[in-house]
């Protein structure tokens, strides 16, 4: 009996991906490049954060967001 597996990963409000396979081995093979993808996403998000907060975030800004 064949089963179909779908793995959905949401990395943020605009970034997500889906992997589909017949078994865990196929899913694992598909995820081999995940480290590279993770590094690229991290670089993209870091670049975006640097553009939005060019001076970095202060502890006061972080505290205000948590209080809201």
N, C-alpha and C. Protein backbone atom coordinates (compact mmCIF):
# COMPACT_ATOMS: atom_id res chain seq x y z
N UNK A 1 0.84 -1.17 0.00
CA UNK A 1 0.00 0.00 0.00
C UNK A 1 0.89 1.24 0.00
N UNK A 2 0.81 2.06 -1.02
CA UNK A 2 1.62 3.27 -1.14
C UNK A 2 0.95 4.41 -0.39
N UNK A 3 1.78 5.19 0.25
CA UNK A 3 1.29 6.37 0.96
C UNK A 3 1.94 7.61 0.36
N UNK A 4 1.24 8.68 0.40
CA UNK A 4 1.76 9.94 -0.10
C UNK A 4 1.97 10.86 1.10
N UNK A 5 3.18 11.39 1.26
CA UNK A 5 3.49 12.27 2.38
C UNK A 5 3.74 13.68 1.84
N UNK A 6 3.24 14.66 2.56
CA UNK A 6 3.46 16.06 2.20
C UNK A 6 4.00 16.77 3.43
N UNK A 7 5.12 17.44 3.26
CA UNK A 7 5.74 18.21 4.32
C UNK A 7 5.67 19.68 3.92
N UNK A 8 4.97 20.48 4.71
CA UNK A 8 4.85 21.92 4.44
C UNK A 8 5.60 22.68 5.53
N UNK A 9 6.46 23.57 5.11
CA UNK A 9 7.24 24.37 6.05
C UNK A 9 7.02 25.84 5.73
N UNK A 10 6.59 26.58 6.73
CA UNK A 10 6.38 28.01 6.57
C UNK A 10 7.53 28.72 7.28
N UNK A 11 8.29 29.49 6.52
CA UNK A 11 9.45 30.18 7.07
C UNK A 11 9.15 31.63 7.42
N UNK A 12 8.02 32.10 7.05
CA UNK A 12 7.64 33.48 7.33
C UNK A 12 6.36 33.80 6.61
N UNK A 13 5.93 35.05 6.69
CA UNK A 13 4.65 35.39 6.07
C UNK A 13 4.66 35.27 4.54
N UNK A 14 5.82 35.38 3.94
CA UNK A 14 5.90 35.34 2.48
C UNK A 14 6.72 34.17 1.95
N UNK A 15 7.27 33.35 2.84
CA UNK A 15 8.16 32.27 2.41
C UNK A 15 7.69 30.94 2.98
N UNK A 16 7.41 30.01 2.10
CA UNK A 16 7.06 28.67 2.52
C UNK A 16 7.40 27.71 1.38
N UNK A 17 7.53 26.45 1.71
CA UNK A 17 7.75 25.46 0.67
C UNK A 17 7.11 24.14 1.06
N UNK A 18 6.93 23.31 0.07
CA UNK A 18 6.24 22.04 0.27
C UNK A 18 7.04 20.95 -0.41
N UNK A 19 7.20 19.84 0.29
CA UNK A 19 7.91 18.68 -0.26
C UNK A 19 6.94 17.50 -0.23
N UNK A 20 6.88 16.78 -1.31
CA UNK A 20 5.97 15.65 -1.41
C UNK A 20 6.77 14.40 -1.79
N UNK A 21 6.46 13.29 -1.16
CA UNK A 21 7.15 12.05 -1.47
C UNK A 21 6.31 10.84 -1.10
N UNK A 22 6.77 9.70 -1.55
CA UNK A 22 6.06 8.44 -1.28
C UNK A 22 6.44 7.84 0.06
N UNK A 23 7.63 8.20 0.59
CA UNK A 23 8.08 7.64 1.86
C UNK A 23 9.10 8.58 2.50
N UNK A 24 9.53 8.24 3.69
CA UNK A 24 10.47 9.09 4.43
C UNK A 24 11.80 9.24 3.69
N UNK A 25 12.23 8.20 3.03
CA UNK A 25 13.50 8.27 2.30
C UNK A 25 13.45 9.33 1.20
N UNK A 26 12.35 9.39 0.47
CA UNK A 26 12.21 10.41 -0.57
C UNK A 26 12.20 11.81 0.04
N UNK A 27 11.52 11.97 1.16
CA UNK A 27 11.48 13.27 1.83
C UNK A 27 12.89 13.65 2.29
N UNK A 28 13.61 12.71 2.87
CA UNK A 28 14.98 12.98 3.33
C UNK A 28 15.88 13.38 2.17
N UNK A 29 15.76 12.71 1.05
CA UNK A 29 16.55 13.06 -0.13
C UNK A 29 16.24 14.48 -0.59
N UNK A 30 14.98 14.83 -0.53
CA UNK A 30 14.57 16.18 -0.95
C UNK A 30 15.11 17.25 -0.02
N UNK A 31 15.30 16.90 1.24
CA UNK A 31 15.76 17.88 2.23
C UNK A 31 17.27 18.03 2.30
N UNK A 32 18.00 17.26 1.50
CA UNK A 32 19.47 17.34 1.56
C UNK A 32 19.98 18.75 1.29
N UNK A 33 19.31 19.47 0.42
CA UNK A 33 19.73 20.84 0.12
C UNK A 33 19.14 21.88 1.07
N UNK A 34 18.46 21.43 2.12
CA UNK A 34 17.79 22.36 3.02
C UNK A 34 18.77 23.29 3.72
N UNK A 35 19.97 22.82 4.07
CA UNK A 35 20.95 23.67 4.74
C UNK A 35 21.29 24.87 3.87
N UNK A 36 21.49 24.64 2.59
CA UNK A 36 21.80 25.74 1.68
C UNK A 36 20.61 26.70 1.60
N UNK A 37 19.42 26.15 1.51
CA UNK A 37 18.21 26.98 1.47
C UNK A 37 18.10 27.79 2.75
N UNK A 38 18.36 27.16 3.88
CA UNK A 38 18.28 27.82 5.17
C UNK A 38 19.27 28.99 5.23
N UNK A 39 20.48 28.79 4.73
CA UNK A 39 21.48 29.85 4.73
C UNK A 39 21.05 31.01 3.83
N UNK A 40 20.47 30.70 2.69
CA UNK A 40 20.01 31.76 1.78
C UNK A 40 18.85 32.55 2.39
N UNK A 41 17.91 31.85 3.00
CA UNK A 41 16.77 32.53 3.64
C UNK A 41 17.27 33.41 4.79
N UNK A 42 18.22 32.89 5.57
CA UNK A 42 18.77 33.66 6.67
C UNK A 42 19.45 34.93 6.15
N UNK A 43 20.20 34.80 5.07
CA UNK A 43 20.86 35.97 4.48
C UNK A 43 19.84 36.98 3.97
N UNK A 44 18.78 36.50 3.34
CA UNK A 44 17.74 37.40 2.83
C UNK A 44 17.05 38.13 3.98
N UNK A 45 16.69 37.40 5.03
CA UNK A 45 16.00 38.01 6.16
C UNK A 45 16.91 38.96 6.91
N UNK A 46 18.19 38.62 7.05
CA UNK A 46 19.14 39.49 7.72
C UNK A 46 19.30 40.79 6.94
N UNK A 47 19.37 40.67 5.62
CA UNK A 47 19.50 41.86 4.78
C UNK A 47 18.27 42.74 4.93
N UNK A 48 17.10 42.14 4.94
CA UNK A 48 15.86 42.89 5.10
C UNK A 48 15.83 43.58 6.46
N UNK A 49 16.21 42.87 7.51
CA UNK A 49 16.22 43.46 8.85
C UNK A 49 17.19 44.64 8.92
N UNK A 50 18.34 44.52 8.27
CA UNK A 50 19.32 45.60 8.26
C UNK A 50 18.78 46.82 7.52
N UNK A 51 17.96 46.60 6.49
CA UNK A 51 17.39 47.72 5.76
C UNK A 51 16.27 48.40 6.56
N UNK A 52 15.47 47.60 7.26
CA UNK A 52 14.37 48.15 8.04
C UNK A 52 14.90 48.83 9.31
N UNK A 53 15.90 48.22 9.95
CA UNK A 53 16.48 48.75 11.18
C UNK A 53 17.98 48.99 10.95
N UNK A 54 18.36 50.06 10.21
CA UNK A 54 19.78 50.26 9.90
C UNK A 54 20.65 50.47 11.14
N UNK A 55 20.07 50.96 12.22
CA UNK A 55 20.84 51.17 13.45
C UNK A 55 20.69 50.00 14.42
N UNK A 56 20.02 48.96 14.00
CA UNK A 56 19.77 47.81 14.86
C UNK A 56 18.59 48.08 15.78
N UNK A 57 18.15 47.06 16.45
CA UNK A 57 17.04 47.22 17.39
C UNK A 57 17.62 47.40 18.79
N UNK A 58 17.04 48.31 19.55
CA UNK A 58 17.47 48.52 20.92
C UNK A 58 16.60 47.70 21.85
N UNK A 59 17.06 47.53 23.08
CA UNK A 59 16.29 46.78 24.06
C UNK A 59 14.96 47.46 24.33
N UNK A 60 14.94 48.81 24.28
CA UNK A 60 13.71 49.54 24.52
C UNK A 60 12.68 49.23 23.42
N UNK A 61 13.10 49.18 22.16
CA UNK A 61 12.18 48.87 21.08
C UNK A 61 11.62 47.47 21.23
N UNK A 62 12.47 46.53 21.60
CA UNK A 62 12.03 45.14 21.79
C UNK A 62 11.02 45.06 22.92
N UNK A 63 11.27 45.76 24.03
CA UNK A 63 10.35 45.76 25.17
C UNK A 63 9.01 46.37 24.82
N UNK A 64 9.00 47.41 23.99
CA UNK A 64 7.75 48.05 23.60
C UNK A 64 6.90 47.10 22.77
N UNK A 65 7.52 46.35 21.88
CA UNK A 65 6.77 45.40 21.04
C UNK A 65 6.17 44.29 21.89
N UNK A 66 6.92 43.80 22.89
CA UNK A 66 6.42 42.73 23.74
C UNK A 66 5.27 43.21 24.60
N UNK A 67 5.30 44.48 25.00
CA UNK A 67 4.24 45.02 25.86
C UNK A 67 2.95 45.25 25.09
N UNK A 68 3.06 45.43 23.78
CA UNK A 68 1.88 45.70 22.95
C UNK A 68 1.08 44.47 22.67
